[in-house]
Amino acid sequence: MEHTFYHISVLLNECIEALDIKPNGVYVDCTLGGGGHSLEIVKRLENGKLICIDQDAAAIAAASERLAPYQDKIIFVKNNFSAFSDILDELGIARVDGALLDLGVSSYQLDTPERGFSYNAEAPLDMRMNESASLSAYDVVNTYGESELRRIISVYGEDSNASRIAGAIAKARAIKPVETTTELVDIIKSVTPKKLLAVGHHPAKKTFQAIRIEVNSEISIIEPTLKSIAYRLNPGGRIAVITFHSLEDRAAKHTFNALATGCTCPPSYPVCVCGKKPVVRLINKKPILPGEEELQYNHRSHSAKLRIVEKCDDD
């Protein structure tokens, strides 16, 4: 089934302002998606270059069409952004002037039922952002031990009902494999307290988030990637990161704070012996949130947070 790649870029103006784009600079959109952010970046380039990374072939195909008028300034790379340094090495690029990461799942991925991301449509359990990856949601649901499922749902889904959900999954798959999104939703609903079914978020939301994060290693790659980007920035270069839930935001915040911390010697030391200097400075200590207007036309922006850092000068 063919679908139009559709994705409303969150915090678009704020991201472009955050990157402080130089017309002849080199920039990286680590999460190309529908190409909305990339379009606004490349419009501002004269002799500069934009590297567009995405692990989803559908994203690259659709964005390539959208960005066709600027193709002489763009390099498309199908890969996971965790390969940031390797990608730059392969392209022969030592340093860049800015990088953007939009860590949300694209509207296209959520709204394409057969991708298996949504708990609102029947589909095979998949959830792979990179469709050629080996691990799928089916594998997680049907082969992970009950205790590991409980940990994933508890940690990545932040779901207090994790034990009951993991137990119900284990019980169901002992009879037959859990194959579809609707089967998984029914299992989750069967152990969700009635008072929670009546109000609030969909009872499967947190479990689906948790499994998606596990399938795509979404949290574990944030810290090493942000560090590798920071060390490949030119002085004054910036990183802008959009997160959509507390786990992502915590990882970005802690990584940026660590990179912005200088001397770590105990206060009792008369002089610094560690020699540690800040790699970046924080542009905003508190995250930038969507404005009222954006919240009205894009409901998926409601949990978005933008954090920005700038590379310190080389000594």
C-alpha atoms as a PDB file:
ATOM      1  CA  MET A   1       0.000   0.000   0.000  1.00  0.00           C
ATOM      2  CA  GLU A   2       1.388   3.421  -0.977  1.00  0.00           C
ATOM      3  CA  HIS A   3       1.236   6.333   1.429  1.00  0.00           C
ATOM      4  CA  THR A   4       2.281   9.960   1.103  1.00  0.00           C
ATOM      5  CA  PHE A   5       5.150  10.728   3.454  1.00  0.00           C
ATOM      6  CA  TYR A   6       3.565  13.254   5.764  1.00  0.00           C
ATOM      7  CA  HIS A   7       5.165  14.905   8.738  1.00  0.00           C
ATOM      8  CA  ILE A   8       4.553  18.323  10.289  1.00  0.00           C
ATOM      9  CA  SER A   9       7.894  19.675  11.457  1.00  0.00           C
ATOM     10  CA  VAL A  10       7.733  20.492  15.161  1.00  0.00           C
ATOM     11  CA  LEU A  11       9.252  23.725  16.518  1.00  0.00           C
ATOM     12  CA  LEU A  12      10.365  24.575  12.976  1.00  0.00           C
ATOM     13  CA  ASN A  13      11.076  28.301  13.380  1.00  0.00           C
ATOM     14  CA  GLU A  14      12.686  27.757  16.774  1.00  0.00           C
ATOM     15  CA  CYS A  15      15.040  25.110  15.328  1.00  0.00           C
ATOM     16  CA  ILE A  16      16.124  27.289  12.413  1.00  0.00           C
ATOM     17  CA  GLU A  17      16.818  30.180  14.776  1.00  0.00           C
ATOM     18  CA  ALA A  18      18.658  27.833  17.146  1.00  0.00           C
ATOM     19  CA  LEU A  19      21.050  26.596  14.440  1.00  0.00           C
ATOM     20  CA  ASP A  20      22.140  30.176  13.590  1.00  0.00           C
ATOM     21  CA  ILE A  21      22.772  29.065   9.998  1.00  0.00           C
ATOM     22  CA  LYS A  22      25.832  30.338   8.133  1.00  0.00           C
ATOM     23  CA  PRO A  23      25.302  30.497   4.336  1.00  0.00           C
ATOM     24  CA  ASN A  24      28.546  28.616   3.632  1.00  0.00           C
ATOM     25  CA  GLY A  25      28.399  26.218   6.552  1.00  0.00           C
ATOM     26  CA  VAL A  26      27.987  22.443   6.681  1.00  0.00           C
ATOM     27  CA  TYR A  27      24.896  21.163   8.513  1.00  0.00           C
ATOM     28  CA  VAL A  28      23.464  17.763   9.340  1.00  0.00           C
ATOM     29  CA  ASP A  29      19.792  16.872   9.681  1.00  0.00           C
ATOM     30  CA  CYS A  30      20.203  13.635  11.609  1.00  0.00           C
ATOM     31  CA  THR A  31      16.499  12.762  11.352  1.00  0.00           C
ATOM     32  CA  LEU A  32      15.372  13.773   7.875  1.00  0.00           C
ATOM     33  CA  GLY A  33      11.781  12.501   8.139  1.00  0.00           C
ATOM     34  CA  GLY A  34       9.507  14.434   5.799  1.00  0.00           C
ATOM     35  CA  GLY A  35      12.243  16.995   5.105  1.00  0.00           C
ATOM     36  CA  GLY A  36      10.515  20.014   6.661  1.00  0.00           C
ATOM     37  CA  HIS A  37      13.460  21.080   8.784  1.00  0.00           C
ATOM     38  CA  SER A  38      15.917  20.258   5.980  1.00  0.00           C
ATOM     39  CA  LEU A  39      14.006  22.444   3.521  1.00  0.00           C
ATOM     40  CA  GLU A  40      14.292  25.491   5.761  1.00  0.00           C
ATOM     41  CA  ILE A  41      17.982  24.835   6.443  1.00  0.00           C
ATOM     42  CA  VAL A  42      18.960  24.374   2.797  1.00  0.00           C
ATOM     43  CA  LYS A  43      17.027  27.488   1.719  1.00  0.00           C
ATOM     44  CA  ARG A  44      19.484  29.493   3.814  1.00  0.00           C
ATOM     45  CA  LEU A  45      22.621  27.960   2.298  1.00  0.00           C
ATOM     46  CA  GLU A  46      24.625  29.559  -0.528  1.00  0.00           C
ATOM     47  CA  ASN A  47      27.787  27.488  -0.960  1.00  0.00           C
ATOM     48  CA  GLY A  48      27.108  25.396   2.127  1.00  0.00           C
ATOM     49  CA  LYS A  49      26.181  21.715   2.352  1.00  0.00           C
ATOM     50  CA  LEU A  50      23.409  19.826   4.109  1.00  0.00           C
ATOM     51  CA  ILE A  51      23.786  16.147   5.009  1.00  0.00           C
ATOM     52  CA  CYS A  52      20.413  14.450   5.441  1.00  0.00           C
ATOM     53  CA  ILE A  53      20.399  11.213   7.435  1.00  0.00           C
ATOM     54  CA  ASP A  54      17.489   8.810   7.904  1.00  0.00           C
ATOM     55  CA  GLN A  55      17.284   5.056   8.401  1.00  0.00           C
ATOM     56  CA  ASP A  56      13.860   4.887   6.730  1.00  0.00           C
ATOM     57  CA  ALA A  57      14.065   4.412   2.958  1.00  0.00           C
ATOM     58  CA  ALA A  58      10.548   5.864   2.543  1.00  0.00           C
ATOM     59  CA  ALA A  59      11.649   9.077   4.250  1.00  0.00           C
ATOM     60  CA  ILE A  60      14.650   9.520   1.979  1.00  0.00           C
ATOM     61  CA  ALA A  61      12.602   8.794  -1.158  1.00  0.00           C
ATOM     62  CA  ALA A  62       9.899  11.320  -0.250  1.00  0.00           C
ATOM     63  CA  ALA A  63      12.258  14.014   1.027  1.00  0.00           C
ATOM     64  CA  SER A  64      14.448  13.650  -2.077  1.00  0.00           C
ATOM     65  CA  GLU A  65      11.470  14.755  -4.181  1.00  0.00           C
ATOM     66  CA  ARG A  66      10.572  17.598  -1.843  1.00  0.00           C
ATOM     67  CA  LEU A  67      14.162  18.856  -1.744  1.00  0.00           C
ATOM     68  CA  ALA A  68      14.911  18.264  -5.453  1.00  0.00           C
ATOM     69  CA  PRO A  69      15.366  21.997  -6.255  1.00  0.00           C
ATOM     70  CA  TYR A  70      18.292  22.058  -3.812  1.00  0.00           C
ATOM     71  CA  GLN A  71      19.854  18.688  -4.637  1.00  0.00           C
ATOM     72  CA  ASP A  72      23.238  20.250  -5.504  1.00  0.00           C
ATOM     73  CA  LYS A  73      23.614  21.288  -1.854  1.00  0.00           C
ATOM     74  CA  ILE A  74      22.381  18.051  -0.243  1.00  0.00           C
ATOM     75  CA  ILE A  75      23.915  14.653   0.482  1.00  0.00           C
ATOM     76  CA  PHE A  76      21.396  11.930   1.433  1.00  0.00           C
ATOM     77  CA  VAL A  77      22.577   9.102   3.679  1.00  0.00           C
ATOM     78  CA  LYS A  78      20.503   6.033   4.616  1.00  0.00           C
ATOM     79  CA  ASN A  79      21.752   5.151   8.057  1.00  0.00           C
ATOM     80  CA  ASN A  80      21.035   5.539  11.746  1.00  0.00           C
ATOM     81  CA  PHE A  81      22.243   8.831  13.205  1.00  0.00           C
ATOM     82  CA  SER A  82      24.260   6.854  15.751  1.00  0.00           C
ATOM     83  CA  ALA A  83      26.774   6.375  12.899  1.00  0.00           C
ATOM     84  CA  PHE A  84      27.342  10.170  12.798  1.00  0.00           C
ATOM     85  CA  SER A  85      31.155  10.115  13.003  1.00  0.00           C
ATOM     86  CA  ASP A  86      31.491   7.224  10.543  1.00  0.00           C
ATOM     87  CA  ILE A  87      29.233   9.048   8.078  1.00  0.00           C
ATOM     88  CA  LEU A  88      31.375  12.204   8.251  1.00  0.00           C
ATOM     89  CA  ASP A  89      34.548  10.128   7.851  1.00  0.00           C
ATOM     90  CA  GLU A  90      33.152   8.417   4.742  1.00  0.00           C
ATOM     91  CA  LEU A  91      32.247  11.806   3.267  1.00  0.00           C
ATOM     92  CA  GLY A  92      35.670  13.242   4.103  1.00  0.00           C
ATOM     93  CA  ILE A  93      34.178  15.949   6.316  1.00  0.00           C
ATOM     94  CA  ALA A  94      36.177  16.813   9.451  1.00  0.00           C
ATOM     95  CA  ARG A  95      33.858  19.326  11.131  1.00  0.00           C
ATOM     96  CA  VAL A  96      30.332  20.678  10.740  1.00  0.00           C
ATOM     97  CA  ASP A  97      28.613  23.899  11.783  1.00  0.00           C
ATOM     98  CA  GLY A  98      25.412  22.474  13.179  1.00  0.00           C
ATOM     99  CA  ALA A  99      23.252  19.398  13.647  1.00  0.00           C
ATOM    100  CA  LEU A 100      19.555  18.850  14.271  1.00  0.00           C
ATOM    101  CA  LEU A 101      17.916  15.804  15.837  1.00  0.00           C
ATOM    102  CA  ASP A 102      14.118  15.447  15.897  1.00  0.00           C
ATOM    103  CA  LEU A 103      13.687  12.334  18.010  1.00  0.00           C
ATOM    104  CA  GLY A 104       9.973  11.878  17.426  1.00  0.00           C
ATOM    105  CA  VAL A 105       8.397   9.142  15.338  1.00  0.00           C
ATOM    106  CA  SER A 106       7.202  10.673  12.077  1.00  0.00           C
ATOM    107  CA  SER A 107       3.500  11.133  11.373  1.00  0.00           C
ATOM    108  CA  TYR A 108       4.007   8.948   8.301  1.00  0.00           C
ATOM    109  CA  GLN A 109       5.318   6.042  10.362  1.00  0.00           C
ATOM    110  CA  LEU A 110       2.487   6.353  12.872  1.00  0.00           C
ATOM    111  CA  ASP A 111      -0.179   6.730  10.193  1.00  0.00           C
ATOM    112  CA  THR A 112       1.006   3.891   7.938  1.00  0.00           C
ATOM    113  CA  PRO A 113      -0.855   0.961   9.529  1.00  0.00           C
ATOM    114  CA  GLU A 114       1.317  -1.805   8.109  1.00  0.00           C
ATOM    115  CA  ARG A 115       4.385  -0.387   9.905  1.00  0.00           C
ATOM    116  CA  GLY A 116       2.825  -1.536  13.192  1.00  0.00           C
ATOM    117  CA  PHE A 117       3.589   1.600  15.234  1.00  0.00           C
ATOM    118  CA  SER A 118      -0.017   2.473  16.028  1.00  0.00           C
ATOM    119  CA  TYR A 119      -2.262   0.909  18.640  1.00  0.00           C
ATOM    120  CA  ASN A 120      -5.270   2.323  16.762  1.00  0.00           C
ATOM    121  CA  ALA A 121      -4.979   0.151  13.627  1.00  0.00           C
ATOM    122  CA  GLU A 122      -4.560  -3.569  13.011  1.00  0.00           C
ATOM    123  CA  ALA A 123      -1.178  -4.519  11.597  1.00  0.00           C
ATOM    124  CA  PRO A 124       1.591  -7.078  12.022  1.00  0.00           C
ATOM    125  CA  LEU A 125       3.779  -6.323  15.049  1.00  0.00           C
ATOM    126  CA  ASP A 126       6.737  -4.553  13.452  1.00  0.00           C
ATOM    127  CA  MET A 127       7.712  -1.013  14.636  1.00  0.00           C
ATOM    128  CA  ARG A 128      11.065  -0.978  12.804  1.00  0.00           C
ATOM    129  CA  MET A 129      12.090   2.517  11.722  1.00  0.00           C
ATOM    130  CA  ASN A 130      14.653   0.796   9.521  1.00  0.00           C
ATOM    131  CA  GLU A 131      12.621  -1.832   7.688  1.00  0.00           C
ATOM    132  CA  SER A 132      15.722  -3.906   6.959  1.00  0.00           C
ATOM    133  CA  ALA A 133      16.670  -4.197  10.659  1.00  0.00           C
ATOM    134  CA  SER A 134      16.539  -7.680  12.136  1.00  0.00           C
ATOM    135  CA  LEU A 135      14.731  -7.008  15.444  1.00  0.00           C
ATOM    136  CA  SER A 136      10.983  -6.317  15.267  1.00  0.00           C
ATOM    137  CA  ALA A 137       8.199  -5.809  17.804  1.00  0.00           C
ATOM    138  CA  TYR A 138       7.101  -9.393  17.076  1.00  0.00           C
ATOM    139  CA  ASP A 139      10.489 -10.627  18.306  1.00  0.00           C
ATOM    140  CA  VAL A 140      10.363  -8.530  21.474  1.00  0.00           C
ATOM    141  CA  VAL A 141       6.817  -9.576  22.354  1.00  0.00           C
ATOM    142  CA  ASN A 142       7.279 -13.257  21.586  1.00  0.00           C
ATOM    143  CA  THR A 143      10.894 -14.069  22.503  1.00  0.00           C
ATOM    144  CA  TYR A 144      11.913 -11.802  25.396  1.00  0.00           C
ATOM    145  CA  GLY A 145      11.650 -13.309  28.879  1.00  0.00           C
ATOM    146  CA  GLU A 146       8.793 -12.127  31.071  1.00  0.00           C
ATOM    147  CA  SER A 147      11.146 -10.302  33.464  1.00  0.00           C
ATOM    148  CA  GLU A 148      12.844  -8.498  30.563  1.00  0.00           C
ATOM    149  CA  LEU A 149       9.456  -7.489  29.124  1.00  0.00           C
ATOM    150  CA  ARG A 150       8.475  -6.174  32.541  1.00  0.00           C
ATOM    151  CA  ARG A 151      11.695  -4.122  32.729  1.00  0.00           C
ATOM    152  CA  ILE A 152      11.212  -2.640  29.250  1.00  0.00           C
ATOM    153  CA  ILE A 153       7.573  -1.688  29.862  1.00  0.00           C
ATOM    154  CA  SER A 154       8.441  -0.255  33.266  1.00  0.00           C
ATOM    155  CA  VAL A 155      11.551   1.693  32.227  1.00  0.00           C
ATOM    156  CA  TYR A 156      10.792   2.705  28.619  1.00  0.00           C
ATOM    157  CA  GLY A 157       7.029   2.922  29.032  1.00  0.00           C
ATOM    158  CA  GLU A 158       7.113   4.255  32.592  1.00  0.00           C
ATOM    159  CA  ASP A 159       4.045   2.100  33.167  1.00  0.00           C
ATOM    160  CA  SER A 160       3.142   1.121  36.736  1.00  0.00           C
ATOM    161  CA  ASN A 161       1.106  -1.786  35.324  1.00  0.00           C
ATOM    162  CA  ALA A 162       4.200  -3.355  33.727  1.00  0.00           C
ATOM    163  CA  SER A 163       4.177  -6.577  35.781  1.00  0.00           C
ATOM    164  CA  ARG A 164       0.592  -7.449  34.906  1.00  0.00           C
ATOM    165  CA  ILE A 165       1.070  -6.600  31.227  1.00  0.00           C
ATOM    166  CA  ALA A 166       4.273  -8.682  30.943  1.00  0.00           C
ATOM    167  CA  GLY A 167       2.534 -11.577  32.693  1.00  0.00           C
ATOM    168  CA  ALA A 168      -0.467 -11.379  30.390  1.00  0.00           C
ATOM    169  CA  ILE A 169       1.771 -11.337  27.299  1.00  0.00           C
ATOM    170  CA  ALA A 170       3.692 -14.380  28.549  1.00  0.00           C
ATOM    171  CA  LYS A 171       0.443 -16.238  29.244  1.00  0.00           C
ATOM    172  CA  ALA A 172      -1.044 -15.402  25.817  1.00  0.00           C
ATOM    173  CA  ARG A 173       2.035 -16.325  23.783  1.00  0.00           C
ATOM    174  CA  ALA A 174       2.287 -19.682  25.554  1.00  0.00           C
ATOM    175  CA  ILE A 175      -0.912 -20.587  23.701  1.00  0.00           C
ATOM    176  CA  LYS A 176      -0.037 -18.950  20.362  1.00  0.00           C
ATOM    177  CA  PRO A 177       2.340 -16.200  19.177  1.00  0.00           C
ATOM    178  CA  VAL A 178       1.088 -12.620  19.506  1.00  0.00           C
ATOM    179  CA  GLU A 179       1.141 -11.492  15.874  1.00  0.00           C
ATOM    180  CA  THR A 180      -0.799  -8.236  15.490  1.00  0.00           C
ATOM    181  CA  THR A 181      -1.151  -4.844  17.116  1.00  0.00           C
ATOM    182  CA  THR A 182      -4.805  -5.495  17.967  1.00  0.00           C
ATOM    183  CA  GLU A 183      -3.946  -8.793  19.673  1.00  0.00           C
ATOM    184  CA  LEU A 184      -1.409  -6.953  21.826  1.00  0.00           C
ATOM    185  CA  VAL A 185      -3.885  -4.144  22.596  1.00  0.00           C
ATOM    186  CA  ASP A 186      -6.493  -6.707  23.710  1.00  0.00           C
ATOM    187  CA  ILE A 187      -3.955  -8.384  26.002  1.00  0.00           C
ATOM    188  CA  ILE A 188      -3.036  -5.032  27.584  1.00  0.00           C
ATOM    189  CA  LYS A 189      -6.683  -4.057  28.021  1.00  0.00           C
ATOM    190  CA  SER A 190      -7.425  -7.381  29.714  1.00  0.00           C
ATOM    191  CA  VAL A 191      -5.177  -6.467  32.662  1.00  0.00           C
ATOM    192  CA  THR A 192      -5.832  -2.714  32.754  1.00  0.00           C
ATOM    193  CA  PRO A 193      -7.927  -1.593  35.765  1.00  0.00           C
ATOM    194  CA  LYS A 194     -11.416  -0.485  34.684  1.00  0.00           C
ATOM    195  CA  LYS A 195     -10.958   2.996  36.156  1.00  0.00           C
ATOM    196  CA  LEU A 196      -7.942   3.528  33.835  1.00  0.00           C
ATOM    197  CA  LEU A 197      -9.871   2.262  30.809  1.00  0.00           C
ATOM    198  CA  ALA A 198     -12.507   4.926  31.426  1.00  0.00           C
ATOM    199  CA  VAL A 199     -10.195   7.953  31.504  1.00  0.00           C
ATOM    200  CA  GLY A 200      -6.914   9.309  30.213  1.00  0.00           C
ATOM    201  CA  HIS A 201      -4.558   7.928  27.589  1.00  0.00           C
ATOM    202  CA  HIS A 202      -5.067   4.746  25.587  1.00  0.00           C
ATOM    203  CA  PRO A 203      -4.087   1.826  27.862  1.00  0.00           C
ATOM    204  CA  ALA A 204      -1.648   0.484  25.251  1.00  0.00           C
ATOM    205  CA  LYS A 205       0.182   3.784  24.643  1.00  0.00           C
ATOM    206  CA  LYS A 206       2.974   3.236  27.156  1.00  0.00           C
ATOM    207  CA  THR A 207       3.607  -0.399  26.228  1.00  0.00           C
ATOM    208  CA  PHE A 208       3.738   0.425  22.511  1.00  0.00           C
ATOM    209  CA  GLN A 209       6.181   3.255  23.254  1.00  0.00           C
ATOM    210  CA  ALA A 210       8.339   0.906  25.310  1.00  0.00           C
ATOM    211  CA  ILE A 211       8.472  -1.802  22.638  1.00  0.00           C
ATOM    212  CA  ARG A 212       9.182   0.762  19.898  1.00  0.00           C
ATOM    213  CA  ILE A 213      12.082   2.191  21.922  1.00  0.00           C
ATOM    214  CA  GLU A 214      13.514  -1.294  22.453  1.00  0.00           C
ATOM    215  CA  VAL A 215      13.163  -2.271  18.782  1.00  0.00           C
ATOM    216  CA  ASN A 216      14.937   0.884  17.595  1.00  0.00           C
ATOM    217  CA  SER A 217      17.422   1.340  20.495  1.00  0.00           C
ATOM    218  CA  GLU A 218      16.102   4.886  20.750  1.00  0.00           C
ATOM    219  CA  ILE A 219      17.367   5.865  24.210  1.00  0.00           C
ATOM    220  CA  SER A 220      20.724   4.092  24.328  1.00  0.00           C
ATOM    221  CA  ILE A 221      22.042   5.884  21.224  1.00  0.00           C
ATOM    222  CA  ILE A 222      21.269   9.455  22.361  1.00  0.00           C
ATOM    223  CA  GLU A 223      24.235  10.073  24.675  1.00  0.00           C
ATOM    224  CA  PRO A 224      27.023   8.633  22.469  1.00  0.00           C
ATOM    225  CA  THR A 225      25.594  10.343  19.385  1.00  0.00           C
ATOM    226  CA  LEU A 226      25.344  13.781  21.007  1.00  0.00           C
ATOM    227  CA  LYS A 227      28.909  13.446  22.268  1.00  0.00           C
ATOM    228  CA  SER A 228      30.234  12.434  18.853  1.00  0.00           C
ATOM    229  CA  ILE A 229      28.422  15.383  17.244  1.00  0.00           C
ATOM    230  CA  ALA A 230      29.783  17.822  19.844  1.00  0.00           C
ATOM    231  CA  TYR A 231      33.359  16.786  19.136  1.00  0.00           C
ATOM    232  CA  ARG A 232      32.855  17.217  15.369  1.00  0.00           C
ATOM    233  CA  LEU A 233      31.451  20.757  15.597  1.00  0.00           C
ATOM    234  CA  ASN A 234      33.373  23.840  14.556  1.00  0.00           C
ATOM    235  CA  PRO A 235      33.706  26.454  17.323  1.00  0.00           C
ATOM    236  CA  GLY A 236      30.373  28.288  17.517  1.00  0.00           C
ATOM    237  CA  GLY A 237      28.586  25.355  15.874  1.00  0.00           C
ATOM    238  CA  ARG A 238      25.307  24.281  17.424  1.00  0.00           C
ATOM    239  CA  ILE A 239      23.270  21.181  18.199  1.00  0.00           C
ATOM    240  CA  ALA A 240      19.476  21.421  18.413  1.00  0.00           C
ATOM    241  CA  VAL A 241      17.596  18.424  19.823  1.00  0.00           C
ATOM    242  CA  ILE A 242      13.819  17.954  19.939  1.00  0.00           C
ATOM    243  CA  THR A 243      12.575  15.324  22.400  1.00  0.00           C
ATOM    244  CA  PHE A 244       9.050  13.998  22.924  1.00  0.00           C
ATOM    245  CA  HIS A 245       9.075  12.200  26.255  1.00  0.00           C
ATOM    246  CA  SER A 246      10.893  12.353  29.569  1.00  0.00           C
ATOM    247  CA  LEU A 247      13.365   9.538  28.816  1.00  0.00           C
ATOM    248  CA  GLU A 248      14.647  11.271  25.675  1.00  0.00           C
ATOM    249  CA  ASP A 249      14.732  14.674  27.325  1.00  0.00           C
ATOM    250  CA  ARG A 250      16.573  13.331  30.382  1.00  0.00           C
ATOM    251  CA  ALA A 251      19.224  11.696  28.169  1.00  0.00           C
ATOM    252  CA  ALA A 252      19.732  14.895  26.154  1.00  0.00           C
ATOM    253  CA  LYS A 253      19.777  17.121  29.239  1.00  0.00           C
ATOM    254  CA  HIS A 254      22.280  14.979  31.153  1.00  0.00           C
ATOM    255  CA  THR A 255      24.562  14.629  28.121  1.00  0.00           C
ATOM    256  CA  PHE A 256      24.563  18.365  27.432  1.00  0.00           C
ATOM    257  CA  ASN A 257      25.160  19.180  31.101  1.00  0.00           C
ATOM    258  CA  ALA A 258      28.134  16.804  31.169  1.00  0.00           C
ATOM    259  CA  LEU A 259      29.577  18.323  27.985  1.00  0.00           C
ATOM    260  CA  ALA A 260      29.116  21.830  29.431  1.00  0.00           C
ATOM    261  CA  THR A 261      30.880  20.999  32.696  1.00  0.00           C
ATOM    262  CA  GLY A 262      34.494  22.103  33.099  1.00  0.00           C
ATOM    263  CA  CYS A 263      36.784  21.234  35.982  1.00  0.00           C
ATOM    264  CA  THR A 264      35.548  18.302  38.074  1.00  0.00           C
ATOM    265  CA  CYS A 265      38.236  18.537  40.778  1.00  0.00           C
ATOM    266  CA  PRO A 266      37.001  18.557  44.400  1.00  0.00           C
ATOM    267  CA  PRO A 267      36.444  22.115  45.750  1.00  0.00           C
ATOM    268  CA  SER A 268      39.232  21.539  48.277  1.00  0.00           C
ATOM    269  CA  TYR A 269      41.876  21.400  45.522  1.00  0.00           C
ATOM    270  CA  PRO A 270      43.775  24.726  45.318  1.00  0.00           C
ATOM    271  CA  VAL A 271      44.291  24.362  41.538  1.00  0.00           C
ATOM    272  CA  CYS A 272      42.712  22.265  38.779  1.00  0.00           C
ATOM    273  CA  VAL A 273      44.518  19.012  38.118  1.00  0.00           C
ATOM    274  CA  CYS A 274      41.913  17.312  35.928  1.00  0.00           C
ATOM    275  CA  GLY A 275      42.364  19.755  33.040  1.00  0.00           C
ATOM    276  CA  LYS A 276      38.756  19.217  31.969  1.00  0.00           C
ATOM    277  CA  LYS A 277      37.238  22.099  30.028  1.00  0.00           C
ATOM    278  CA  PRO A 278      33.679  22.596  28.769  1.00  0.00           C
ATOM    279  CA  VAL A 279      33.087  21.257  25.258  1.00  0.00           C
ATOM    280  CA  VAL A 280      29.833  23.196  24.781  1.00  0.00           C
ATOM    281  CA  ARG A 281      27.837  25.920  26.457  1.00  0.00           C
ATOM    282  CA  LEU A 282      24.119  25.667  27.096  1.00  0.00           C
ATOM    283  CA  ILE A 283      22.073  28.133  25.024  1.00  0.00           C
ATOM    284  CA  ASN A 284      18.927  27.400  27.024  1.00  0.00           C
ATOM    285  CA  LYS A 285      18.966  25.854  30.497  1.00  0.00           C
ATOM    286  CA  LYS A 286      15.232  25.254  30.320  1.00  0.00           C
ATOM    287  CA  PRO A 287      13.804  23.603  27.198  1.00  0.00           C
ATOM    288  CA  ILE A 288      11.943  25.650  24.583  1.00  0.00           C
ATOM    289  CA  LEU A 289       8.313  24.543  24.222  1.00  0.00           C
ATOM    290  CA  PRO A 290       5.824  24.948  21.340  1.00  0.00           C
ATOM    291  CA  GLY A 291       3.728  28.131  21.345  1.00  0.00           C
ATOM    292  CA  GLU A 292      -0.057  28.249  21.572  1.00  0.00           C
ATOM    293  CA  GLU A 293      -0.471  28.567  17.801  1.00  0.00           C
ATOM    294  CA  GLU A 294       1.581  25.442  17.066  1.00  0.00           C
ATOM    295  CA  LEU A 295      -0.213  23.476  19.771  1.00  0.00           C
ATOM    296  CA  GLN A 296      -3.518  24.253  18.042  1.00  0.00           C
ATOM    297  CA  TYR A 297      -2.581  23.073  14.540  1.00  0.00           C
ATOM    298  CA  ASN A 298      -0.228  20.196  15.446  1.00  0.00           C
ATOM    299  CA  HIS A 299      -1.435  18.083  18.356  1.00  0.00           C
ATOM    300  CA  ARG A 300       1.684  15.916  18.166  1.00  0.00           C
ATOM    301  CA  SER A 301       3.803  18.888  19.274  1.00  0.00           C
ATOM    302  CA  HIS A 302       2.281  19.054  22.758  1.00  0.00           C
ATOM    303  CA  SER A 303       5.088  17.111  24.448  1.00  0.00           C
ATOM    304  CA  ALA A 304       7.977  18.502  22.371  1.00  0.00           C
ATOM    305  CA  LYS A 305      10.993  20.125  24.037  1.00  0.00           C
ATOM    306  CA  LEU A 306      13.933  21.813  22.309  1.00  0.00           C
ATOM    307  CA  ARG A 307      17.421  21.976  23.817  1.00  0.00           C
ATOM    308  CA  ILE A 308      20.344  23.836  22.221  1.00  0.00           C
ATOM    309  CA  VAL A 309      24.093  23.906  22.858  1.00  0.00           C
ATOM    310  CA  GLU A 310      26.973  25.765  21.192  1.00  0.00           C
ATOM    311  CA  LYS A 311      30.535  24.479  20.748  1.00  0.00           C
ATOM    312  CA  CYS A 312      33.106  26.315  22.822  1.00  0.00           C
ATOM    313  CA  ASP A 313      36.160  27.853  21.145  1.00  0.00           C
ATOM    314  CA  ASP A 314      39.168  25.595  20.693  1.00  0.00           C
ATOM    315  CA  ASP A 315      42.096  26.504  22.917  1.00  0.00           C
END
